[in-house]
C-alpha atoms as a PDB file:
ATOM      1  CA  MET A   1      77.389 113.195  96.364  1.00  0.00           C
ATOM      2  CA  ASN A   2      80.565 110.460  96.556  1.00  0.00           C
ATOM      3  CA  ASN A   3      80.798 108.061  99.639  1.00  0.00           C
ATOM      4  CA  LYS A   4      83.939 106.150  98.713  1.00  0.00           C
ATOM      5  CA  ALA A   5      87.128 107.314 100.411  1.00  0.00           C
ATOM      6  CA  ASN A   6      90.398 105.892  99.456  1.00  0.00           C
ATOM      7  CA  ILE A   7      93.214 106.935 102.003  1.00  0.00           C
ATOM      8  CA  ILE A   8      96.777 105.779 101.391  1.00  0.00           C
ATOM      9  CA  LEU A   9      98.184 104.160 104.673  1.00  0.00           C
ATOM     10  CA  THR A  10     101.773 104.485 103.600  1.00  0.00           C
ATOM     11  CA  HIS A  11     104.503 105.495 100.846  1.00  0.00           C
ATOM     12  CA  ASN A  12     106.371 101.986 101.868  1.00  0.00           C
ATOM     13  CA  CYS A  13     106.013  99.422  99.253  1.00  0.00           C
ATOM     14  CA  ASN A  14     107.539  95.394  98.696  1.00  0.00           C
ATOM     15  CA  LEU A  15     107.674  96.825  94.795  1.00  0.00           C
ATOM     16  CA  ARG A  16     109.863  99.763  92.867  1.00  0.00           C
ATOM     17  CA  CYS A  17     107.815  99.657  90.016  1.00  0.00           C
ATOM     18  CA  LEU A  18     108.819 103.463  87.388  1.00  0.00           C
ATOM     19  CA  HIS A  19     106.012 103.564  86.585  1.00  0.00           C
ATOM     20  CA  CYS A  20     103.926 104.154  90.017  1.00  0.00           C
ATOM     21  CA  TYR A  21     102.073 107.092  90.864  1.00  0.00           C
ATOM     22  CA  ILE A  22     102.594 107.286  94.563  1.00  0.00           C
ATOM     23  CA  ASP A  23     105.785 107.232  94.148  1.00  0.00           C
ATOM     24  CA  ALA A  24     106.429 103.979  96.429  1.00  0.00           C
ATOM     25  CA  LYS A  25     109.987 103.168  97.821  1.00  0.00           C
ATOM     26  CA  ALA A  26     111.436 102.450 101.773  1.00  0.00           C
ATOM     27  CA  CYS A  27     111.233 105.152 103.802  1.00  0.00           C
ATOM     28  CA  LYS A  28     111.541 105.688 106.956  1.00  0.00           C
ATOM     29  CA  GLU A  29     107.403 106.806 108.398  1.00  0.00           C
ATOM     30  CA  ASP A  30     105.604 107.916 111.800  1.00  0.00           C
ATOM     31  CA  LEU A  31     103.526 104.492 111.554  1.00  0.00           C
ATOM     32  CA  GLU A  32     102.039 105.176 114.657  1.00  0.00           C
ATOM     33  CA  SER A  33     101.154 108.732 113.941  1.00  0.00           C
ATOM     34  CA  ASN A  34      99.438 107.283 110.159  1.00  0.00           C
ATOM     35  CA  TYR A  35      97.289 105.014 112.309  1.00  0.00           C
ATOM     36  CA  ASN A  36      96.069 107.867 114.184  1.00  0.00           C
ATOM     37  CA  LYS A  37      95.393 109.924 111.697  1.00  0.00           C
ATOM     38  CA  ALA A  38      93.463 107.063 109.490  1.00  0.00           C
ATOM     39  CA  LEU A  39      92.021 106.704 113.058  1.00  0.00           C
ATOM     40  CA  GLU A  40      90.198 109.512 112.600  1.00  0.00           C
ATOM     41  CA  LEU A  41      89.986 110.095 108.679  1.00  0.00           C
ATOM     42  CA  ILE A  42      88.015 107.329 109.285  1.00  0.00           C
ATOM     43  CA  ASP A  43      85.429 109.112 112.411  1.00  0.00           C
ATOM     44  CA  LYS A  44      85.153 112.345 110.069  1.00  0.00           C
ATOM     45  CA  LEU A  45      83.875 109.725 106.645  1.00  0.00           C
ATOM     46  CA  GLU A  46      81.488 107.920 108.833  1.00  0.00           C
ATOM     47  CA  LYS A  47      80.352 111.525 110.166  1.00  0.00           C
ATOM     48  CA  ASP A  48      79.642 112.471 106.144  1.00  0.00           C
ATOM     49  CA  ASN A  49      78.223 109.119 106.235  1.00  0.00           C
ATOM     50  CA  PHE A  50      81.030 107.975 103.781  1.00  0.00           C
ATOM     51  CA  LYS A  51      79.882 104.418 103.484  1.00  0.00           C
ATOM     52  CA  GLN A  52      83.086 102.862 102.039  1.00  0.00           C
ATOM     53  CA  VAL A  53      86.607 103.102 102.117  1.00  0.00           C
ATOM     54  CA  MET A  54      89.620 101.628 100.385  1.00  0.00           C
ATOM     55  CA  PHE A  55      93.317 101.312 102.274  1.00  0.00           C
ATOM     56  CA  THR A  56      95.777 101.422  99.170  1.00  0.00           C
ATOM     57  CA  GLY A  57      99.863 103.101  99.740  1.00  0.00           C
ATOM     58  CA  GLY A  58     102.978 101.708  98.343  1.00  0.00           C
ATOM     59  CA  GLU A  59     101.258  98.761  99.428  1.00  0.00           C
ATOM     60  CA  CYS A  60      98.500  98.293 101.986  1.00  0.00           C
ATOM     61  CA  LEU A  61      99.800  94.826 103.094  1.00  0.00           C
ATOM     62  CA  ILE A  62     102.808  95.825 105.149  1.00  0.00           C
ATOM     63  CA  PHE A  63     101.061  98.490 107.092  1.00  0.00           C
ATOM     64  CA  PRO A  64     101.205  96.788 111.001  1.00  0.00           C
ATOM     65  CA  LYS A  65      98.018  97.760 111.857  1.00  0.00           C
ATOM     66  CA  LEU A  66      96.120  96.896 108.594  1.00  0.00           C
ATOM     67  CA  ILE A  67      93.897  94.263 110.299  1.00  0.00           C
ATOM     68  CA  ASP A  68      93.311  96.878 112.633  1.00  0.00           C
ATOM     69  CA  LEU A  69      91.631 100.164 110.422  1.00  0.00           C
ATOM     70  CA  ILE A  70      90.112  96.719 109.156  1.00  0.00           C
ATOM     71  CA  LYS A  71      87.845  95.697 111.395  1.00  0.00           C
ATOM     72  CA  TYR A  72      87.703  99.776 113.037  1.00  0.00           C
ATOM     73  CA  ALA A  73      86.385 100.850 109.351  1.00  0.00           C
ATOM     74  CA  LYS A  74      83.759  97.710 109.090  1.00  0.00           C
ATOM     75  CA  SER A  75      82.978  98.836 112.876  1.00  0.00           C
ATOM     76  CA  LYS A  76      81.906 101.704 111.201  1.00  0.00           C
ATOM     77  CA  ASN A  77      79.377  99.457 108.969  1.00  0.00           C
ATOM     78  CA  MET A  78      81.695 100.765 105.924  1.00  0.00           C
ATOM     79  CA  ILE A  79      82.151  98.430 102.503  1.00  0.00           C
ATOM     80  CA  VAL A  80      85.871  98.102 102.947  1.00  0.00           C
ATOM     81  CA  SER A  81      89.116  96.937  99.986  1.00  0.00           C
ATOM     82  CA  ILE A  82      92.632  96.978  99.630  1.00  0.00           C
ATOM     83  CA  PHE A  83      94.642  98.149  96.658  1.00  0.00           C
ATOM     84  CA  THR A  84      97.939  95.687  96.803  1.00  0.00           C
ATOM     85  CA  ASN A  85     100.188  94.556  93.936  1.00  0.00           C
ATOM     86  CA  GLY A  86      99.312  90.843  95.189  1.00  0.00           C
ATOM     87  CA  MET A  87     102.963  90.284  96.633  1.00  0.00           C
ATOM     88  CA  ILE A  88     102.260  89.159  99.890  1.00  0.00           C
ATOM     89  CA  PHE A  89      99.640  86.766 100.471  1.00  0.00           C
ATOM     90  CA  ASN A  90      98.061  86.960 103.608  1.00  0.00           C
ATOM     91  CA  LYS A  91      94.494  85.435 104.662  1.00  0.00           C
ATOM     92  CA  GLU A  92      93.379  87.348 108.071  1.00  0.00           C
ATOM     93  CA  VAL A  93      92.965  90.529 105.371  1.00  0.00           C
ATOM     94  CA  PHE A  94      91.161  88.608 102.580  1.00  0.00           C
ATOM     95  CA  ASP A  95      88.941  86.933 104.737  1.00  0.00           C
ATOM     96  CA  LEU A  96      88.049  90.468 106.319  1.00  0.00           C
ATOM     97  CA  VAL A  97      88.136  92.938 103.694  1.00  0.00           C
ATOM     98  CA  ASP A  98      84.574  92.853 100.913  1.00  0.00           C
ATOM     99  CA  MET A  99      86.623  92.716  97.912  1.00  0.00           C
ATOM    100  CA  ILE A 100      90.384  93.252  97.341  1.00  0.00           C
ATOM    101  CA  ASN A 101      92.133  95.300  94.613  1.00  0.00           C
ATOM    102  CA  ILE A 102      94.737  93.688  93.036  1.00  0.00           C
ATOM    103  CA  SER A 103      97.370  95.543  89.916  1.00  0.00           C
ATOM    104  CA  VAL A 104      97.822  94.328  87.634  1.00  0.00           C
ATOM    105  CA  ASP A 105     100.445  95.373  84.864  1.00  0.00           C
ATOM    106  CA  GLY A 106     101.613  93.066  81.545  1.00  0.00           C
ATOM    107  CA  PRO A 107     104.195  89.503  81.410  1.00  0.00           C
ATOM    108  CA  ASP A 108     107.315  89.145  82.982  1.00  0.00           C
ATOM    109  CA  ASN A 109     109.331  90.024  80.038  1.00  0.00           C
ATOM    110  CA  ILE A 110     107.563  93.872  80.085  1.00  0.00           C
ATOM    111  CA  HIS A 111     107.123  94.234  83.538  1.00  0.00           C
ATOM    112  CA  ASN A 112     110.020  93.420  84.717  1.00  0.00           C
ATOM    113  CA  ILE A 113     111.822  95.302  82.589  1.00  0.00           C
ATOM    114  CA  LEU A 114     109.900  98.432  84.671  1.00  0.00           C
ATOM    115  CA  ASP A 115     110.405  96.689  88.338  1.00  0.00           C
ATOM    116  CA  LYS A 116     113.159  97.966  90.080  1.00  0.00           C
END
């Protein structure tokens, strides 16, 4: 059984990469609802013996309650990671998580033509 889960917190992102698999963009979302659903999902994952959770998006580092969710998942003894584009530095988040996954898309002359 797979004991890892990814939770998409937001479709908002600070980049506009044409190759983005989630079509991340600036959009209106009910962030409080997303937060509450993430809490419920963490509880369900714990009940189903999931041991690892990765927060992603869009760009998870722009989600206002990311730190609260990380702490909540850690309180359930989960291994917590994030998936980020690496454009935002947040020492508090980086110190809390067990792993940071960074999208590395290539040299500027290739990647920047894809970023709009």
